[in-house]
N, C-alpha and C. Protein backbone atom coordinates (compact mmCIF):
# COMPACT_ATOMS: atom_id res chain seq x y z
N MET A 1 92.57 77.47 73.08
CA MET A 1 92.93 78.16 74.42
C MET A 1 93.22 77.08 75.44
N GLU A 2 94.35 77.04 76.04
CA GLU A 2 94.37 76.10 77.32
C GLU A 2 93.88 76.79 78.50
N ASN A 3 92.97 76.12 79.48
CA ASN A 3 92.71 76.55 80.55
C ASN A 3 93.61 76.62 81.45
N ARG A 4 94.08 77.71 82.11
CA ARG A 4 95.32 77.83 83.04
C ARG A 4 95.03 77.98 84.39
N TRP A 5 93.58 77.92 84.70
CA TRP A 5 93.32 77.95 86.16
C TRP A 5 93.73 76.74 86.91
N SER A 6 94.10 77.06 88.02
CA SER A 6 94.55 75.97 88.93
C SER A 6 93.80 75.98 90.11
N ASP A 7 92.75 74.89 90.57
CA ASP A 7 92.06 74.79 91.92
C ASP A 7 93.19 74.79 92.89
N GLU A 8 94.29 74.11 92.50
CA GLU A 8 95.23 74.01 93.83
C GLU A 8 95.95 75.37 94.05
N ALA A 9 96.26 76.19 93.01
CA ALA A 9 96.86 77.62 93.11
C ALA A 9 95.83 78.47 93.80
N ALA A 10 94.46 78.38 93.66
CA ALA A 10 93.47 79.23 94.08
C ALA A 10 92.87 78.63 95.62
N LYS A 11 93.32 77.47 96.06
CA LYS A 11 92.67 77.02 97.29
C LYS A 11 93.30 77.63 98.28
N GLY A 12 92.55 78.05 99.39
CA GLY A 12 92.94 78.78 100.63
C GLY A 12 93.41 79.97 100.53
N ILE A 13 93.31 80.73 99.40
CA ILE A 13 93.87 82.13 99.48
C ILE A 13 92.58 83.17 99.62
N ASP A 14 92.92 84.42 100.28
CA ASP A 14 91.88 85.07 100.53
C ASP A 14 91.21 85.96 99.29
N ASP A 15 90.20 86.52 99.33
CA ASP A 15 89.39 87.15 98.56
C ASP A 15 90.30 87.93 97.57
N LEU A 16 90.90 89.05 97.99
CA LEU A 16 91.80 89.97 97.37
C LEU A 16 92.90 89.24 96.47
N SER A 17 93.51 88.20 97.13
CA SER A 17 94.53 87.67 96.55
C SER A 17 93.95 86.62 95.35
N LEU A 18 92.69 86.38 95.38
CA LEU A 18 92.06 85.63 94.41
C LEU A 18 91.76 86.41 93.16
N LEU A 19 91.43 87.67 93.66
CA LEU A 19 91.18 88.54 92.62
C LEU A 19 92.40 89.09 91.66
N ALA A 20 93.68 89.11 92.45
CA ALA A 20 94.90 89.29 91.69
C ALA A 20 95.23 87.92 90.87
N TYR A 21 95.06 86.83 91.33
CA TYR A 21 95.24 85.33 90.66
C TYR A 21 94.40 85.57 89.29
N ARG A 22 93.08 85.75 89.50
CA ARG A 22 92.14 85.79 88.36
C ARG A 22 92.58 87.00 87.37
N SER A 23 93.01 88.22 87.77
CA SER A 23 93.33 89.28 87.11
C SER A 23 94.51 88.67 86.25
N ARG A 24 95.53 88.14 86.74
CA ARG A 24 96.84 87.75 86.09
C ARG A 24 96.31 86.99 84.97
N LEU A 25 95.48 85.93 85.24
CA LEU A 25 95.17 84.81 84.08
C LEU A 25 94.38 85.56 83.11
N LEU A 26 93.55 86.71 83.27
CA LEU A 26 92.78 87.32 82.17
C LEU A 26 93.63 88.35 81.56
N GLY A 27 94.77 88.63 82.09
CA GLY A 27 95.86 89.68 81.67
C GLY A 27 96.78 89.00 80.43
N GLU A 28 96.60 87.72 80.18
CA GLU A 28 97.65 87.09 79.46
C GLU A 28 97.27 87.69 77.98
N PRO A 29 98.17 87.89 77.23
CA PRO A 29 98.20 88.58 75.88
C PRO A 29 97.18 87.80 74.80
N GLU A 30 96.91 86.59 75.10
CA GLU A 30 95.99 85.74 74.27
C GLU A 30 94.58 86.18 74.68
N ILE A 31 94.29 86.55 75.63
CA ILE A 31 93.01 87.05 76.05
C ILE A 31 92.56 88.45 75.90
N VAL A 32 93.50 89.38 76.36
CA VAL A 32 93.10 90.98 76.40
C VAL A 32 94.36 91.75 75.73
N ASN A 33 94.08 92.80 75.56
CA ASN A 33 95.19 93.75 75.06
C ASN A 33 96.09 93.99 76.32
N PRO A 34 97.30 94.09 76.17
CA PRO A 34 98.12 94.16 77.29
C PRO A 34 97.96 95.86 77.66
N GLY A 35 98.37 96.09 79.17
CA GLY A 35 98.49 97.49 79.42
C GLY A 35 96.99 98.09 80.15
N GLY A 36 96.16 97.12 80.54
CA GLY A 36 95.26 97.81 81.35
C GLY A 36 94.00 96.77 81.44
N GLY A 37 92.91 97.23 82.07
CA GLY A 37 91.77 96.28 82.19
C GLY A 37 91.19 96.50 83.56
N ASN A 38 89.91 95.92 83.81
CA ASN A 38 89.31 96.03 85.08
C ASN A 38 88.83 94.83 85.41
N THR A 39 89.05 94.35 86.52
CA THR A 39 88.59 93.15 87.29
C THR A 39 87.93 93.56 88.60
N SER A 40 87.12 92.78 89.29
CA SER A 40 86.55 92.96 90.39
C SER A 40 85.94 91.73 91.07
N ILE A 41 85.54 92.02 92.43
CA ILE A 41 85.26 90.97 93.15
C ILE A 41 84.27 91.47 94.30
N LYS A 42 83.03 90.92 94.55
CA LYS A 42 82.11 91.14 95.63
C LYS A 42 82.54 90.41 96.72
N ARG A 43 82.67 91.05 97.97
CA ARG A 43 82.73 90.42 99.14
C ARG A 43 82.20 90.97 100.46
N ARG A 44 82.20 90.46 101.55
CA ARG A 44 81.64 90.92 102.72
C ARG A 44 82.93 91.39 103.54
N LEU A 45 82.75 92.71 104.16
CA LEU A 45 83.93 93.04 105.14
C LEU A 45 83.27 93.86 106.39
N THR A 46 84.07 94.13 107.23
CA THR A 46 83.67 94.49 108.52
C THR A 46 83.93 96.06 108.57
N ASP A 47 82.90 96.95 108.62
CA ASP A 47 83.43 98.50 108.51
C ASP A 47 83.85 98.83 109.89
N PHE A 48 84.08 100.12 109.98
CA PHE A 48 84.70 100.72 111.17
C PHE A 48 83.90 100.59 112.50
N ARG A 49 82.68 100.07 112.45
CA ARG A 49 81.79 100.18 113.41
C ARG A 49 81.42 98.89 113.79
N GLY A 50 82.03 97.89 113.05
CA GLY A 50 81.93 96.45 113.33
C GLY A 50 80.62 95.88 112.64
N ARG A 51 80.16 96.30 111.53
CA ARG A 51 79.09 95.91 110.97
C ARG A 51 79.51 95.18 109.73
N GLU A 52 78.97 94.06 109.37
CA GLU A 52 79.17 93.34 108.00
C GLU A 52 78.51 94.13 106.80
N ILE A 53 79.36 94.56 105.85
CA ILE A 53 78.85 95.25 104.58
C ILE A 53 79.32 94.44 103.27
N ASP A 54 78.43 94.70 102.30
CA ASP A 54 78.73 94.30 101.17
C ASP A 54 79.82 95.29 100.32
N VAL A 55 80.97 95.01 99.81
CA VAL A 55 81.93 95.49 99.34
C VAL A 55 82.21 95.15 97.86
N LEU A 56 82.30 96.05 96.82
CA LEU A 56 82.96 95.69 95.63
C LEU A 56 84.39 96.26 95.38
N THR A 57 85.30 95.63 95.35
CA THR A 57 86.55 95.92 95.19
C THR A 57 86.90 95.73 93.80
N VAL A 58 87.67 96.71 93.18
CA VAL A 58 87.67 96.83 91.77
C VAL A 58 89.50 97.09 91.44
N LYS A 59 90.03 96.28 90.61
CA LYS A 59 91.26 96.45 90.10
C LYS A 59 90.82 97.47 88.96
N ALA A 60 91.24 98.80 89.14
CA ALA A 60 90.54 99.61 87.89
C ALA A 60 91.75 99.64 86.68
N SER A 61 91.52 100.22 85.81
CA SER A 61 92.42 100.62 84.63
C SER A 61 93.60 101.42 85.00
N GLY A 62 94.73 101.09 84.26
CA GLY A 62 95.73 102.01 84.61
C GLY A 62 97.11 101.00 85.00
N SER A 63 96.96 99.82 85.16
CA SER A 63 97.92 98.69 85.50
C SER A 63 97.79 97.57 84.81
N ASP A 64 98.67 96.94 84.42
CA ASP A 64 98.75 95.72 83.39
C ASP A 64 97.94 94.52 84.41
N LEU A 65 97.06 93.94 83.77
CA LEU A 65 96.26 92.84 84.47
C LEU A 65 97.39 91.77 84.71
N ALA A 66 98.23 91.30 83.75
CA ALA A 66 99.07 90.28 83.76
C ALA A 66 100.21 90.54 84.86
N GLY A 67 100.39 91.79 85.31
CA GLY A 67 101.36 91.89 86.29
C GLY A 67 100.97 92.29 87.51
N ILE A 68 99.52 92.11 87.86
CA ILE A 68 98.98 92.60 89.29
C ILE A 68 99.45 91.55 90.43
N THR A 69 99.79 92.27 91.48
CA THR A 69 100.06 91.33 92.66
C THR A 69 99.31 91.66 93.95
């Protein structure tokens, strides 16, 4: 299987866009069954009080990984 990851494509994009990029790569039919799957990213965000907090952002089942935007 060919490695389709591109450092150039991933360079300078925000965490959520990087999650979408990784999800699309993992959603290719050679890797996973089409029609769903979960991916996630751990990141730090600022809450409504201005505090830095750890957050787990999950792309849950129900949408095709290969088509996530």
